[in-house]
Amino acid sequence: MKFLENSRLFLIGFLLIAGMLLVSGCNVPKAGESGQKIRIAYQGEVYEAPLFVAAENGYFKESGLEVELVKADFPSSIQQLSRREIHGLTCDYRIFKALEQGLDLKLAAGLHSECVQIVSAAKSGLTSVKDLKGKTIGTDAEGNAGMVIGSSVLESAGLDLKKDIQWKIYSSDQLEDALFKGEVDAISIPEQADPETAEENKDLRVLFGSSSETNDQSLGAYRHFYASFVGLEGGFLNERPEQAFALIRAWLKGAQWMSENQSEALELVREKKYVEGDANQIVQTAEDYMWMPGVRNAKENISTYLKQQKAMGLLSNDLNEKEWLNQICSQILPDFSRS
């Protein structure tokens, strides 16, 4: 009898626990469940346009997501991420230092790529990137896509990045002046995605161009090198994976629509005041971009950022690139189909 009584008590206890688990399981956030707002930070830059398009075209809402866009500069966004006040942002080359310092964020997909040219003055006598040994190169931001691609190309050409090259930072509108004044021997600048439509500048000589098919193939191919990524807070990814999956897909759908309807998209983001400034300047900036929603190549490009920023001294020499690459990249969305 005592055995039967104990068995009965055990069964009742088991059923109570199972019921509690069932109830708690019903409270697990699902994509589309009300009350689960997702807050995404933005700075108001042209390269963030896929986020704005996804919001305005209803792609987040179609995915059952309630997304709030929160304007904040980059340092403020990092602080809010660390406090788990926002769930993600569009990331660029600056994110890697923040990640090294402990920011819990995962890079989940690529959004847009840039083409880069390394050019010298036409009268300089320089004819190839190998001629840049012992020279100074100007760029507009330390560690950005232009400098990372430039360093990779120079390294492939056999130059020692620490001994053979010096970089100098200028604002983008001062780079050509610095070149013609002789302050630098070459500059790394954006190249239009379709160079055939660009006006030829006879005062410049192109030593390397990402989109040029005449480049020495040993220098590497950087035509589709990502300059921005979807970044999501680590806790959000772990705790709300279904919503994270849906968010990434909708975000990339915005980039796809951007690639197919760029003029309309730029007008949209300007009218809605996501990006402020002169309309012509916004269009000119976007001419240097290729909207390429995707996942597979993004990780490879991130690896190049890590390698070159480490070589530049922006990241620690002790950094294990391969191990860290796997830590900061999310594979929640294996790839993205444009269909």
Protein backbone atom coordinates (compact mmCIF):
# COMPACT_ATOMS: atom_id res chain seq x y z
CA MET A 1 0.00 0.00 0.00
CA LYS A 2 2.81 2.34 0.91
CA PHE A 3 4.42 1.61 -2.46
CA LEU A 4 1.14 2.45 -4.27
CA GLU A 5 0.77 5.68 -2.32
CA ASN A 6 4.33 6.75 -3.13
CA SER A 7 3.75 5.89 -6.78
CA ARG A 8 0.57 7.96 -6.80
CA LEU A 9 2.41 10.94 -5.27
CA PHE A 10 5.23 10.59 -7.80
CA LEU A 11 2.73 10.54 -10.67
CA ILE A 12 0.95 13.66 -9.38
CA GLY A 13 4.27 15.47 -8.98
CA PHE A 14 5.35 14.47 -12.47
CA LEU A 15 2.10 15.73 -13.99
CA LEU A 16 2.40 19.05 -12.14
CA ILE A 17 5.96 19.58 -13.40
CA ALA A 18 5.00 18.62 -16.95
CA GLY A 19 2.10 21.05 -16.82
CA MET A 20 4.39 23.85 -15.65
CA LEU A 21 6.83 23.10 -18.47
CA LEU A 22 3.99 23.09 -20.98
CA VAL A 23 2.73 26.46 -19.78
CA SER A 24 6.22 27.97 -19.80
CA GLY A 25 6.80 26.51 -23.25
CA CYS A 26 3.77 28.44 -24.49
CA ASN A 27 5.51 31.63 -23.38
CA VAL A 28 8.58 31.11 -25.57
CA PRO A 29 8.66 34.09 -28.00
CA LYS A 30 7.75 33.17 -31.56
CA ALA A 31 8.08 35.31 -34.67
CA GLY A 32 4.94 37.38 -34.79
CA GLU A 33 3.96 37.04 -31.14
CA SER A 34 2.60 40.32 -29.83
CA GLY A 35 4.52 42.29 -27.25
CA GLN A 36 7.91 41.25 -28.62
CA LYS A 37 9.12 44.53 -30.10
CA ILE A 38 12.50 44.54 -31.82
CA ARG A 39 14.56 47.74 -31.62
CA ILE A 40 17.14 48.39 -34.35
CA ALA A 41 19.54 51.34 -34.22
CA TYR A 42 20.42 53.46 -37.23
CA GLN A 43 22.68 56.46 -37.83
CA GLY A 44 21.09 57.95 -40.93
CA GLU A 45 23.66 56.81 -43.50
CA VAL A 46 22.98 55.81 -47.13
CA TYR A 47 24.41 52.33 -46.63
CA GLU A 48 21.68 51.64 -44.04
CA ALA A 49 18.99 52.00 -46.71
CA PRO A 50 18.02 48.27 -46.79
CA LEU A 51 16.83 48.61 -43.18
CA PHE A 52 14.67 51.63 -44.04
CA VAL A 53 13.25 49.92 -47.13
CA ALA A 54 12.38 46.79 -45.15
CA ALA A 55 10.50 48.95 -42.63
CA GLU A 56 8.70 51.17 -45.13
CA ASN A 57 7.81 48.38 -47.58
CA GLY A 58 6.31 46.32 -44.79
CA TYR A 59 8.74 43.39 -44.97
CA PHE A 60 9.14 43.24 -41.19
CA LYS A 61 5.39 43.43 -40.66
CA GLU A 62 4.81 40.72 -43.30
CA SER A 63 7.14 38.51 -41.26
CA GLY A 64 5.03 39.09 -38.15
CA LEU A 65 7.58 41.39 -36.54
CA GLU A 66 7.11 44.64 -34.69
CA VAL A 67 10.29 46.61 -35.41
CA GLU A 68 11.13 50.03 -34.03
CA LEU A 69 13.96 52.03 -35.60
CA VAL A 70 15.96 54.04 -33.07
CA LYS A 71 18.30 56.80 -34.25
CA ALA A 72 21.67 56.82 -32.50
CA ASP A 73 25.27 57.46 -33.48
CA PHE A 74 27.72 54.56 -33.54
CA PRO A 75 29.17 54.93 -30.01
CA SER A 76 25.66 55.28 -28.54
CA SER A 77 24.49 52.21 -30.45
CA ILE A 78 27.35 50.16 -29.00
CA GLN A 79 26.47 51.32 -25.48
CA GLN A 80 22.80 50.47 -25.98
CA LEU A 81 23.71 47.06 -27.35
CA SER A 82 25.89 46.34 -24.33
CA ARG A 83 22.93 47.20 -22.08
CA ARG A 84 20.59 45.11 -24.27
CA GLU A 85 18.43 48.15 -25.00
CA ILE A 86 18.54 47.50 -28.76
CA HIS A 87 18.68 44.26 -30.72
CA GLY A 88 20.80 45.11 -33.75
CA LEU A 89 22.21 47.59 -36.26
CA THR A 90 23.89 47.84 -39.64
CA CYS A 91 27.60 47.23 -38.98
CA ASP A 92 30.68 48.41 -40.82
CA TYR A 93 34.45 48.15 -40.33
CA ARG A 94 34.26 49.84 -36.90
CA ILE A 95 32.44 46.93 -35.29
CA PHE A 96 35.46 44.63 -35.02
CA LYS A 97 37.20 46.62 -32.29
CA ALA A 98 33.98 46.73 -30.28
CA LEU A 99 33.66 42.95 -30.67
CA GLU A 100 37.22 42.45 -29.49
CA GLN A 101 36.41 44.53 -26.42
CA GLY A 102 33.62 42.13 -25.51
CA LEU A 103 30.48 43.36 -27.28
CA ASP A 104 27.99 40.47 -27.50
CA LEU A 105 26.96 40.81 -31.14
CA LYS A 106 26.91 38.40 -34.08
CA LEU A 107 27.33 39.27 -37.75
CA ALA A 108 24.62 37.41 -39.64
CA ALA A 109 24.71 38.55 -43.30
CA GLY A 110 26.21 40.97 -45.79
CA LEU A 111 24.24 43.93 -47.16
CA HIS A 112 26.31 46.00 -49.57
CA SER A 113 29.75 45.91 -51.12
CA GLU A 114 32.05 48.61 -52.43
CA CYS A 115 34.55 48.74 -55.24
CA VAL A 116 37.91 50.37 -54.56
CA GLN A 117 40.56 52.01 -56.70
CA ILE A 118 44.17 52.67 -55.84
CA VAL A 119 45.20 55.62 -57.98
CA SER A 120 48.24 57.83 -58.41
CA ALA A 121 48.78 61.10 -60.22
CA ALA A 122 49.11 60.45 -63.94
CA LYS A 123 52.48 62.25 -64.01
CA SER A 124 53.92 60.36 -61.03
CA GLY A 125 55.59 57.66 -63.09
CA LEU A 126 53.95 54.90 -61.02
CA THR A 127 52.43 52.17 -63.17
CA SER A 128 51.54 49.31 -60.80
CA VAL A 129 50.91 48.62 -57.12
CA LYS A 130 54.40 47.12 -56.89
CA ASP A 131 55.75 50.62 -57.51
CA LEU A 132 54.22 51.71 -54.19
CA LYS A 133 57.06 50.16 -52.18
CA GLY A 134 58.36 52.83 -49.84
CA LYS A 135 55.44 55.12 -50.66
CA THR A 136 52.60 56.77 -48.73
CA ILE A 137 48.95 56.05 -49.47
CA GLY A 138 46.01 58.19 -48.43
CA THR A 139 42.63 56.84 -47.34
CA ASP A 140 39.60 58.29 -45.57
CA ALA A 141 39.26 55.94 -42.57
CA GLU A 142 41.61 53.60 -40.75
CA GLY A 143 40.55 49.98 -41.17
CA ASN A 144 37.69 50.56 -43.61
CA ALA A 145 36.99 48.48 -46.73
CA GLY A 146 39.22 50.67 -48.90
CA MET A 147 42.22 50.29 -46.60
CA VAL A 148 41.58 46.59 -46.00
CA ILE A 149 41.33 45.84 -49.72
CA GLY A 150 44.33 48.06 -50.43
CA SER A 151 46.43 46.28 -47.80
CA SER A 152 45.41 42.87 -49.15
CA VAL A 153 46.33 43.88 -52.69
CA LEU A 154 49.69 45.32 -51.64
CA GLU A 155 50.45 42.21 -49.60
CA SER A 156 49.62 40.00 -52.60
CA ALA A 157 52.00 42.13 -54.68
CA GLY A 158 54.81 41.17 -52.30
CA LEU A 159 55.03 44.33 -50.23
CA ASP A 160 55.67 44.26 -46.49
CA LEU A 161 52.79 46.21 -44.95
CA LYS A 162 54.82 47.28 -41.94
CA LYS A 163 58.05 48.21 -43.69
CA ASP A 164 57.14 49.17 -47.25
CA ILE A 165 53.94 51.20 -46.88
CA GLN A 166 52.75 54.18 -44.87
CA TRP A 167 49.09 55.17 -44.66
CA LYS A 168 47.77 58.69 -44.00
CA ILE A 169 44.17 59.53 -43.12
CA TYR A 170 42.27 62.41 -44.76
CA SER A 171 38.62 63.30 -45.11
CA SER A 172 37.24 61.91 -48.35
CA ASP A 173 36.96 65.35 -49.98
CA GLN A 174 40.65 66.10 -49.28
CA LEU A 175 42.19 62.94 -50.73
CA GLU A 176 42.72 64.14 -54.30
CA ASP A 177 44.11 67.48 -53.07
CA ALA A 178 46.59 65.60 -50.89
CA LEU A 179 47.63 63.52 -53.89
CA PHE A 180 48.20 66.47 -56.22
CA LYS A 181 50.01 68.43 -53.50
CA GLY A 182 52.45 65.53 -53.14
CA GLU A 183 51.52 64.77 -49.54
CA VAL A 184 50.84 61.17 -50.57
CA ASP A 185 51.94 59.07 -53.54
CA ALA A 186 48.62 57.30 -54.10
CA ILE A 187 45.12 57.21 -52.65
CA SER A 188 42.55 54.50 -52.05
CA ILE A 189 39.12 55.76 -53.11
CA PRO A 190 35.69 54.34 -53.94
CA GLU A 191 35.15 53.13 -57.48
CA GLN A 192 31.75 53.20 -59.10
CA ALA A 193 30.19 49.76 -59.27
CA ASP A 194 29.98 50.19 -63.06
CA PRO A 195 33.25 51.93 -64.01
CA GLU A 196 32.16 52.21 -67.64
CA THR A 197 29.65 54.88 -66.61
CA ALA A 198 32.23 56.89 -64.67
CA GLU A 199 33.87 59.95 -66.16
CA GLU A 200 37.55 59.39 -66.93
CA ASN A 201 39.92 61.58 -64.95
CA LYS A 202 43.02 61.99 -67.09
CA ASP A 203 44.95 63.43 -64.16
CA LEU A 204 44.77 60.07 -62.36
CA ARG A 205 46.29 56.69 -63.15
CA VAL A 206 44.48 53.59 -61.87
CA LEU A 207 46.99 51.16 -60.35
CA PHE A 208 44.28 48.79 -59.14
CA GLY A 209 40.50 48.71 -59.51
CA SER A 210 38.17 46.22 -57.83
CA SER A 211 35.85 46.03 -60.82
CA SER A 212 38.56 45.92 -63.49
CA GLU A 213 38.94 42.67 -65.39
CA THR A 214 42.45 43.69 -66.46
CA ASN A 215 43.92 43.44 -62.96
CA ASP A 216 46.74 41.02 -62.25
CA GLN A 217 44.74 38.03 -60.99
CA SER A 218 47.44 37.24 -58.42
CA LEU A 219 46.41 40.39 -56.55
CA GLY A 220 43.04 38.88 -55.66
CA ALA A 221 39.46 39.67 -56.62
CA TYR A 222 37.61 42.23 -54.51
CA ARG A 223 34.71 43.24 -56.76
CA HIS A 224 32.15 41.88 -54.30
CA PHE A 225 33.75 42.82 -50.98
CA TYR A 226 31.23 43.53 -48.25
CA ALA A 227 31.33 46.89 -46.51
CA SER A 228 28.23 46.49 -44.31
CA PHE A 229 26.63 43.64 -42.37
CA VAL A 230 23.53 42.76 -40.38
CA GLY A 231 24.58 42.71 -36.72
CA LEU A 232 22.33 41.25 -34.01
CA GLU A 233 22.72 41.21 -30.23
CA GLY A 234 23.84 37.77 -29.03
CA GLY A 235 21.17 37.34 -26.38
CA PHE A 236 18.43 38.17 -28.88
CA LEU A 237 19.72 35.52 -31.26
CA ASN A 238 19.85 32.88 -28.54
CA GLU A 239 16.55 33.68 -26.86
CA ARG A 240 14.41 34.55 -29.90
CA PRO A 241 15.89 32.58 -32.82
CA GLU A 242 12.68 32.42 -34.86
CA GLN A 243 12.29 36.17 -34.73
CA ALA A 244 15.98 36.65 -35.52
CA PHE A 245 15.67 34.40 -38.58
CA ALA A 246 12.61 36.30 -39.83
CA LEU A 247 14.28 39.66 -39.12
CA ILE A 248 17.40 38.82 -41.14
CA ARG A 249 15.36 37.58 -44.12
CA ALA A 250 13.18 40.70 -44.16
CA TRP A 251 16.27 42.93 -43.84
CA LEU A 252 17.95 41.20 -46.77
CA LYS A 253 14.74 41.46 -48.76
CA GLY A 254 15.07 45.22 -48.29
CA ALA A 255 18.59 45.06 -49.78
CA GLN A 256 17.28 43.01 -52.70
CA TRP A 257 14.56 45.57 -53.45
CA MET A 258 17.20 48.27 -53.10
CA SER A 259 19.34 46.64 -55.80
CA GLU A 260 16.38 46.46 -58.19
CA ASN A 261 14.83 49.87 -57.46
CA GLN A 262 17.69 52.09 -56.31
CA SER A 263 16.32 55.43 -57.53
CA GLU A 264 12.92 54.83 -55.95
CA ALA A 265 14.51 53.54 -52.74
CA LEU A 266 16.79 56.56 -52.35
CA GLU A 267 13.86 58.91 -52.88
CA LEU A 268 11.93 56.96 -50.24
CA VAL A 269 14.60 57.16 -47.56
CA ARG A 270 15.15 60.86 -48.25
CA GLU A 271 11.44 61.71 -48.15
CA LYS A 272 11.03 59.83 -44.87
CA LYS A 273 14.09 61.71 -43.54
CA TYR A 274 16.03 58.59 -42.64
CA VAL A 275 18.95 60.08 -44.58
CA GLU A 276 19.31 63.85 -44.63
CA GLY A 277 21.20 65.94 -47.13
CA ASP A 278 21.26 66.97 -50.76
CA ALA A 279 19.43 64.53 -53.06
CA ASN A 280 22.25 64.58 -55.64
CA GLN A 281 24.85 63.84 -52.96
CA ILE A 282 22.81 60.86 -51.71
CA VAL A 283 22.56 59.48 -55.25
CA GLN A 284 26.28 60.03 -55.83
CA THR A 285 27.18 58.19 -52.63
CA ALA A 286 24.99 55.22 -53.59
CA GLU A 287 26.66 54.97 -57.00
CA ASP A 288 29.68 53.47 -55.26
CA TYR A 289 27.60 50.70 -53.67
CA MET A 290 26.44 47.29 -54.83
CA TRP A 291 23.47 45.96 -52.87
CA MET A 292 24.28 42.29 -52.38
CA PRO A 293 22.13 40.56 -49.74
CA GLY A 294 23.90 37.33 -48.85
CA VAL A 295 25.52 35.14 -46.24
CA ARG A 296 28.15 32.81 -47.66
CA ASN A 297 30.69 35.35 -48.94
CA ALA A 298 30.18 37.64 -45.96
CA LYS A 299 32.09 35.36 -43.61
CA GLU A 300 35.05 35.16 -45.99
CA ASN A 301 35.19 38.96 -46.22
CA ILE A 302 34.95 39.29 -42.43
CA SER A 303 38.00 37.03 -42.23
CA THR A 304 39.90 39.50 -44.43
CA TYR A 305 38.89 42.39 -42.17
CA LEU A 306 40.22 40.52 -39.13
CA LYS A 307 43.50 39.65 -40.80
CA GLN A 308 44.21 43.14 -42.13
CA GLN A 309 42.98 45.09 -39.09
CA LYS A 310 45.21 42.88 -36.97
CA ALA A 311 48.16 43.65 -39.27
CA MET A 312 47.35 47.37 -38.98
CA GLY A 313 47.51 47.15 -35.20
CA LEU A 314 43.80 47.91 -34.80
CA LEU A 315 43.20 44.47 -33.29
CA SER A 316 45.40 42.56 -30.85
CA ASN A 317 48.32 40.52 -32.16
CA ASP A 318 47.19 37.70 -29.88
CA LEU A 319 43.87 37.39 -31.69
CA ASN A 320 43.18 33.88 -33.02
CA GLU A 321 41.52 34.90 -36.28
CA LYS A 322 40.03 31.52 -37.19
CA GLU A 323 38.61 30.85 -33.72
CA TRP A 324 37.27 34.38 -33.33
CA LEU A 325 35.72 34.36 -36.80
CA ASN A 326 33.49 31.46 -35.78
CA GLN A 327 32.57 33.22 -32.54
CA ILE A 328 31.40 36.47 -34.11
CA CYS A 329 29.55 35.06 -37.12
CA SER A 330 26.04 33.66 -36.89
CA GLN A 331 24.84 30.88 -39.18
CA ILE A 332 21.18 31.17 -38.19
CA LEU A 333 20.35 31.97 -41.82
CA PRO A 334 22.51 29.66 -44.00
CA ASP A 335 22.00 31.74 -47.15
CA PHE A 336 19.58 34.09 -48.88
CA SER A 337 17.78 33.43 -52.16
CA ARG A 338 16.85 36.40 -54.31
CA SER A 339 13.80 34.58 -55.69
